[in-house]
Amino acid sequence: MKVKDLMYKHVISLRPDNTYEEAVKILYKNDIAGAPVVDEEDNIIGYVSEKDLFRILYPVTETITSTPRTIPTWKKWKIRPRK
């Protein structure tokens, strides 16, 4: 099997002036994990992924995922987990 057998032939793209909310909707609607960003002549000038958008929408998660040992325990929060 070759890449040509796996690739999408109809590529969904974003424009530089799309908002991140629009990008989220486009990725979700098309069930894709990322899209190239193209200029007026359809030249690829970048790429935006779900991970890029996730970091903007939920910036605190970058700290949590990069240093998981800093996540407080239930005892430290003084909250009991649901049973």
N, C-alpha and C. Protein backbone atom coordinates (compact mmCIF):
# COMPACT_ATOMS: atom_id res chain seq x y z
N MET A 1 0.84 -1.17 0.00
CA MET A 1 0.00 0.00 0.00
C MET A 1 0.89 1.24 0.00
N LYS A 2 0.45 2.24 -0.71
CA LYS A 2 1.20 3.49 -0.82
C LYS A 2 0.38 4.66 -0.27
N VAL A 3 1.05 5.76 -0.03
CA VAL A 3 0.39 6.95 0.50
C VAL A 3 -0.76 7.37 -0.39
N LYS A 4 -0.58 7.27 -1.69
CA LYS A 4 -1.65 7.67 -2.61
C LYS A 4 -2.93 6.87 -2.39
N ASP A 5 -2.81 5.67 -1.83
CA ASP A 5 -3.98 4.84 -1.55
C ASP A 5 -4.70 5.28 -0.27
N LEU A 6 -4.02 6.03 0.58
CA LEU A 6 -4.58 6.47 1.86
C LEU A 6 -5.02 7.92 1.87
N MET A 7 -4.44 8.73 0.99
CA MET A 7 -4.65 10.18 1.07
C MET A 7 -6.06 10.59 0.66
N TYR A 8 -6.45 11.74 1.22
CA TYR A 8 -7.71 12.36 0.83
C TYR A 8 -7.52 13.06 -0.50
N LYS A 9 -8.49 12.95 -1.35
CA LYS A 9 -8.41 13.60 -2.65
C LYS A 9 -9.09 14.97 -2.63
N HIS A 10 -10.08 15.11 -1.73
CA HIS A 10 -10.78 16.39 -1.55
C HIS A 10 -10.32 16.96 -0.21
N VAL A 11 -9.36 17.88 -0.26
CA VAL A 11 -8.75 18.41 0.96
C VAL A 11 -9.55 19.61 1.47
N ILE A 12 -9.91 19.54 2.75
CA ILE A 12 -10.56 20.65 3.42
C ILE A 12 -9.45 21.58 3.89
N SER A 13 -9.58 22.87 3.61
CA SER A 13 -8.53 23.80 4.01
C SER A 13 -9.12 24.97 4.78
N LEU A 14 -8.23 25.68 5.46
CA LEU A 14 -8.59 26.87 6.22
C LEU A 14 -7.90 28.08 5.59
N ARG A 15 -8.41 29.25 5.88
CA ARG A 15 -7.80 30.50 5.44
C ARG A 15 -7.18 31.20 6.64
N PRO A 16 -6.17 32.01 6.44
CA PRO A 16 -5.51 32.69 7.56
C PRO A 16 -6.46 33.56 8.38
N ASP A 17 -7.51 34.06 7.77
CA ASP A 17 -8.43 34.94 8.49
C ASP A 17 -9.58 34.19 9.17
N ASN A 18 -9.61 32.85 9.08
CA ASN A 18 -10.60 32.09 9.84
C ASN A 18 -10.33 32.28 11.33
N THR A 19 -11.39 32.36 12.13
CA THR A 19 -11.22 32.40 13.58
C THR A 19 -10.98 30.97 14.06
N TYR A 20 -10.47 30.84 15.29
CA TYR A 20 -10.27 29.48 15.78
C TYR A 20 -11.61 28.78 16.01
N GLU A 21 -12.66 29.55 16.31
CA GLU A 21 -14.00 28.93 16.44
C GLU A 21 -14.44 28.33 15.11
N GLU A 22 -14.20 29.08 14.02
CA GLU A 22 -14.55 28.57 12.69
C GLU A 22 -13.73 27.32 12.37
N ALA A 23 -12.45 27.34 12.73
CA ALA A 23 -11.59 26.19 12.47
C ALA A 23 -12.10 24.95 13.20
N VAL A 24 -12.50 25.13 14.46
CA VAL A 24 -13.04 24.01 15.24
C VAL A 24 -14.27 23.44 14.55
N LYS A 25 -15.17 24.31 14.12
CA LYS A 25 -16.40 23.86 13.46
C LYS A 25 -16.09 23.11 12.16
N ILE A 26 -15.14 23.62 11.39
CA ILE A 26 -14.79 22.99 10.12
C ILE A 26 -14.19 21.60 10.35
N LEU A 27 -13.27 21.51 11.31
CA LEU A 27 -12.66 20.20 11.59
C LEU A 27 -13.71 19.22 12.10
N TYR A 28 -14.57 19.68 13.01
CA TYR A 28 -15.60 18.81 13.57
C TYR A 28 -16.59 18.36 12.50
N LYS A 29 -17.08 19.30 11.72
CA LYS A 29 -18.07 19.00 10.67
C LYS A 29 -17.54 17.97 9.67
N ASN A 30 -16.24 18.07 9.36
CA ASN A 30 -15.65 17.18 8.36
C ASN A 30 -14.95 15.97 8.95
N ASP A 31 -15.01 15.85 10.29
CA ASP A 31 -14.43 14.70 11.00
C ASP A 31 -12.95 14.50 10.62
N ILE A 32 -12.20 15.62 10.72
CA ILE A 32 -10.78 15.58 10.42
C ILE A 32 -9.99 16.13 11.60
N ALA A 33 -8.74 15.75 11.72
CA ALA A 33 -7.91 16.14 12.85
C ALA A 33 -7.06 17.38 12.58
N GLY A 34 -7.08 17.87 11.37
CA GLY A 34 -6.29 19.05 11.03
C GLY A 34 -6.54 19.43 9.59
N ALA A 35 -6.03 20.61 9.24
CA ALA A 35 -6.22 21.08 7.86
C ALA A 35 -5.11 22.06 7.50
N PRO A 36 -4.74 22.06 6.21
CA PRO A 36 -3.77 23.05 5.76
C PRO A 36 -4.41 24.44 5.75
N VAL A 37 -3.57 25.45 5.95
CA VAL A 37 -4.01 26.84 5.83
C VAL A 37 -3.45 27.33 4.50
N VAL A 38 -4.35 27.88 3.66
CA VAL A 38 -3.94 28.28 2.31
C VAL A 38 -4.22 29.77 2.09
N ASP A 39 -3.41 30.37 1.21
CA ASP A 39 -3.59 31.78 0.86
C ASP A 39 -4.58 31.92 -0.29
N GLU A 40 -4.67 33.12 -0.84
CA GLU A 40 -5.64 33.39 -1.91
C GLU A 40 -5.41 32.57 -3.17
N GLU A 41 -4.15 32.16 -3.40
CA GLU A 41 -3.83 31.34 -4.58
C GLU A 41 -3.81 29.84 -4.24
N ASP A 42 -4.33 29.49 -3.08
CA ASP A 42 -4.37 28.10 -2.60
C ASP A 42 -2.98 27.49 -2.37
N ASN A 43 -1.99 28.34 -2.10
CA ASN A 43 -0.67 27.85 -1.70
C ASN A 43 -0.71 27.55 -0.21
N ILE A 44 -0.17 26.42 0.18
CA ILE A 44 -0.15 26.06 1.60
C ILE A 44 0.84 26.97 2.33
N ILE A 45 0.34 27.62 3.38
CA ILE A 45 1.20 28.51 4.17
C ILE A 45 1.31 28.03 5.62
N GLY A 46 0.60 26.97 5.95
CA GLY A 46 0.66 26.44 7.31
C GLY A 46 -0.29 25.27 7.49
N TYR A 47 -0.42 24.86 8.75
CA TYR A 47 -1.28 23.73 9.08
C TYR A 47 -1.80 23.94 10.49
N VAL A 48 -3.06 23.65 10.72
CA VAL A 48 -3.67 23.75 12.04
C VAL A 48 -4.24 22.39 12.40
N SER A 49 -3.90 21.92 13.61
CA SER A 49 -4.38 20.62 14.06
C SER A 49 -5.32 20.78 15.25
N GLU A 50 -6.02 19.69 15.60
CA GLU A 50 -6.85 19.68 16.79
C GLU A 50 -6.02 20.05 18.02
N LYS A 51 -4.81 19.55 18.08
CA LYS A 51 -3.94 19.82 19.22
C LYS A 51 -3.65 21.32 19.34
N ASP A 52 -3.41 21.99 18.22
CA ASP A 52 -3.18 23.43 18.24
C ASP A 52 -4.41 24.16 18.80
N LEU A 53 -5.58 23.77 18.33
CA LEU A 53 -6.81 24.41 18.79
C LEU A 53 -7.09 24.10 20.25
N PHE A 54 -6.81 22.87 20.66
CA PHE A 54 -7.03 22.46 22.04
C PHE A 54 -6.18 23.32 22.98
N ARG A 55 -4.93 23.58 22.59
CA ARG A 55 -4.05 24.41 23.44
C ARG A 55 -4.59 25.82 23.60
N ILE A 56 -5.24 26.36 22.57
CA ILE A 56 -5.81 27.70 22.65
C ILE A 56 -7.09 27.70 23.49
N LEU A 57 -7.92 26.69 23.28
CA LEU A 57 -9.19 26.63 23.99
C LEU A 57 -9.03 26.25 25.45
N TYR A 58 -8.04 25.42 25.75
CA TYR A 58 -7.82 24.93 27.11
C TYR A 58 -6.35 25.05 27.48
N PRO A 59 -5.85 26.26 27.69
CA PRO A 59 -4.41 26.45 27.94
C PRO A 59 -3.90 25.76 29.20
N VAL A 60 -4.73 25.57 30.20
CA VAL A 60 -4.28 24.95 31.44
C VAL A 60 -3.88 23.49 31.23
N THR A 61 -4.44 22.84 30.23
CA THR A 61 -4.13 21.42 30.01
C THR A 61 -2.68 21.20 29.62
N GLU A 62 -2.05 22.19 29.01
CA GLU A 62 -0.64 22.04 28.64
C GLU A 62 0.21 21.87 29.90
N THR A 63 -0.08 22.62 30.93
CA THR A 63 0.66 22.50 32.19
C THR A 63 0.39 21.13 32.82
N ILE A 64 -0.85 20.73 32.83
CA ILE A 64 -1.21 19.45 33.45
C ILE A 64 -0.56 18.28 32.71
N THR A 65 -0.61 18.30 31.40
CA THR A 65 -0.07 17.17 30.65
C THR A 65 1.45 17.16 30.62
N SER A 66 2.07 18.32 30.74
CA SER A 66 3.53 18.34 30.70
C SER A 66 4.14 17.96 32.04
N THR A 67 3.41 18.18 33.13
CA THR A 67 3.90 17.81 34.46
C THR A 67 2.78 17.16 35.26
N PRO A 68 2.43 15.93 34.94
CA PRO A 68 1.29 15.30 35.59
C PRO A 68 1.44 15.13 37.10
N ARG A 69 2.66 15.14 37.60
CA ARG A 69 2.84 14.98 39.04
C ARG A 69 2.29 16.17 39.83
N THR A 70 2.02 17.29 39.15
CA THR A 70 1.49 18.47 39.85
C THR A 70 -0.03 18.42 40.00
N ILE A 71 -0.66 17.42 39.46
CA ILE A 71 -2.11 17.32 39.60
C ILE A 71 -2.43 16.97 41.05
N PRO A 72 -3.22 17.80 41.73
CA PRO A 72 -3.52 17.50 43.13
C PRO A 72 -4.34 16.24 43.29
N THR A 73 -4.17 15.60 44.42
CA THR A 73 -4.95 14.40 44.72
C THR A 73 -6.29 14.84 45.30
N TRP A 74 -7.22 13.90 45.41
CA TRP A 74 -8.53 14.21 46.00
C TRP A 74 -8.35 14.71 47.43
N LYS A 75 -7.40 14.13 48.17
CA LYS A 75 -7.19 14.55 49.56
C LYS A 75 -6.74 16.00 49.63
N LYS A 76 -5.87 16.40 48.72
CA LYS A 76 -5.39 17.78 48.71
C LYS A 76 -6.53 18.75 48.40
N TRP A 77 -7.43 18.34 47.52
CA TRP A 77 -8.57 19.18 47.17
C TRP A 77 -9.64 19.17 48.25
N LYS A 78 -9.56 18.17 49.12
CA LYS A 78 -10.56 17.95 50.17
C LYS A 78 -11.94 17.70 49.55
N ILE A 79 -11.91 16.98 48.45
CA ILE A 79 -13.15 16.60 47.75
C ILE A 79 -13.13 15.09 47.63
N ARG A 80 -14.25 14.49 47.86
CA ARG A 80 -14.33 13.04 47.71
C ARG A 80 -14.84 12.70 46.33
N PRO A 81 -14.21 11.72 45.69
CA PRO A 81 -14.73 11.31 44.37
C PRO A 81 -16.10 10.67 44.51
N ARG A 82 -16.87 10.74 43.45
CA ARG A 82 -18.20 10.11 43.45
C ARG A 82 -18.06 8.61 43.48
N LYS A 83 -18.99 7.98 44.14
CA LYS A 83 -18.98 6.51 44.22
C LYS A 83 -19.96 5.92 43.25
